[in-house]
Amino acid sequence: MLIVSNLSSIGMNTGIENHIAINAEAEPLWLTTLKRQVKALKFGAVQVIVHEAQVVQIETTERVRFEPTARDGSSKFKPGR
């Protein structure tokens, strides 16, 4: 399992963004798909499945977070938190 996190969102520049931008023409389809999945995700995980040294599948699990419930049983959705 490969764990990918968006370090630039917390102010850490990994240098990967520049490398990917320079080599965009030679970028494999799985890498393009992986970047698109990570950018579209607010909370969750992206999992890369590899079989015999080849990426064969990318799975995305998205999480939706809610505020704690009130006494009346209602909860408040807070997007972007």
Protein backbone atom coordinates (compact mmCIF):
# COMPACT_ATOMS: atom_id res chain seq x y z
CA MET A 1 0.00 0.00 0.00
CA LEU A 2 1.25 3.48 -0.89
CA ILE A 3 0.14 6.33 1.35
CA VAL A 4 0.06 9.73 -0.35
CA SER A 5 -0.52 12.99 1.46
CA ASN A 6 -0.70 16.53 0.17
CA LEU A 7 2.22 18.09 2.06
CA SER A 8 1.97 21.37 0.14
CA SER A 9 -1.40 22.02 1.82
CA ILE A 10 0.42 22.36 5.16
CA GLY A 11 3.20 24.52 3.75
CA MET A 12 5.74 21.78 2.95
CA ASN A 13 7.11 21.83 -0.60
CA THR A 14 8.31 18.36 -1.61
CA GLY A 15 9.60 19.38 -5.03
CA ILE A 16 7.46 16.69 -6.65
CA GLU A 17 5.09 19.27 -8.13
CA ASN A 18 7.91 20.88 -10.15
CA HIS A 19 9.19 17.52 -11.38
CA ILE A 20 5.71 16.43 -12.46
CA ALA A 21 5.06 19.74 -14.26
CA ILE A 22 8.34 19.44 -16.24
CA ASN A 23 7.68 15.82 -17.23
CA ALA A 24 3.94 16.16 -17.90
CA GLU A 25 4.26 14.91 -21.49
CA ALA A 26 5.78 11.57 -20.43
CA GLU A 27 3.45 11.12 -17.45
CA PRO A 28 1.72 7.71 -17.30
CA LEU A 29 -2.07 7.55 -17.16
CA TRP A 30 -2.07 6.10 -13.62
CA LEU A 31 -0.08 9.08 -12.32
CA THR A 32 -2.44 11.56 -13.98
CA THR A 33 -5.38 9.69 -12.44
CA LEU A 34 -3.70 9.59 -9.03
CA LYS A 35 -3.08 13.35 -9.02
CA ARG A 36 -6.69 14.02 -10.07
CA GLN A 37 -8.04 11.78 -7.28
CA VAL A 38 -5.86 13.46 -4.61
CA LYS A 39 -6.80 16.98 -5.76
CA ALA A 40 -10.53 16.13 -5.69
CA LEU A 41 -10.40 14.72 -2.16
CA LYS A 42 -11.18 16.86 0.89
CA PHE A 43 -10.92 14.12 3.56
CA GLY A 44 -10.09 10.48 2.96
CA ALA A 45 -7.50 8.19 1.40
CA VAL A 46 -6.20 7.21 -2.01
CA GLN A 47 -4.84 3.69 -2.29
CA VAL A 48 -2.65 2.46 -5.16
CA ILE A 49 -2.85 -1.26 -5.95
CA VAL A 50 0.24 -2.75 -7.60
CA HIS A 51 0.53 -6.21 -9.21
CA GLU A 52 3.91 -7.44 -10.52
CA ALA A 53 5.42 -3.91 -10.39
CA GLN A 54 2.52 -2.40 -12.37
CA VAL A 55 -0.18 -0.07 -11.06
CA VAL A 56 -3.44 -1.91 -11.74
CA GLN A 57 -5.99 -0.04 -9.63
CA ILE A 58 -6.52 3.20 -7.71
CA GLU A 59 -9.11 3.26 -4.91
CA THR A 60 -10.46 6.41 -3.27
CA THR A 61 -12.24 6.49 0.08
CA GLU A 62 -13.91 9.81 0.87
CA ARG A 63 -14.90 10.84 4.37
CA VAL A 64 -17.66 13.29 5.30
CA ARG A 65 -17.33 14.86 8.72
CA PHE A 66 -20.14 16.18 10.89
CA GLU A 67 -20.34 18.31 14.01
CA PRO A 68 -21.28 16.45 17.22
CA THR A 69 -25.03 15.88 17.49
CA ALA A 70 -27.18 18.24 19.51
CA ARG A 71 -29.67 17.13 22.17
CA ASP A 72 -32.44 17.15 19.56
CA GLY A 73 -30.53 14.54 17.52
CA SER A 74 -29.62 16.86 14.66
CA SER A 75 -26.08 17.23 13.36
CA LYS A 76 -24.48 20.03 11.39
CA PHE A 77 -22.43 19.33 8.28
CA LYS A 78 -19.34 21.51 8.04
CA PRO A 79 -17.77 21.29 4.60
CA GLY A 80 -14.08 22.08 4.38
CA ARG A 81 -13.19 21.27 7.98
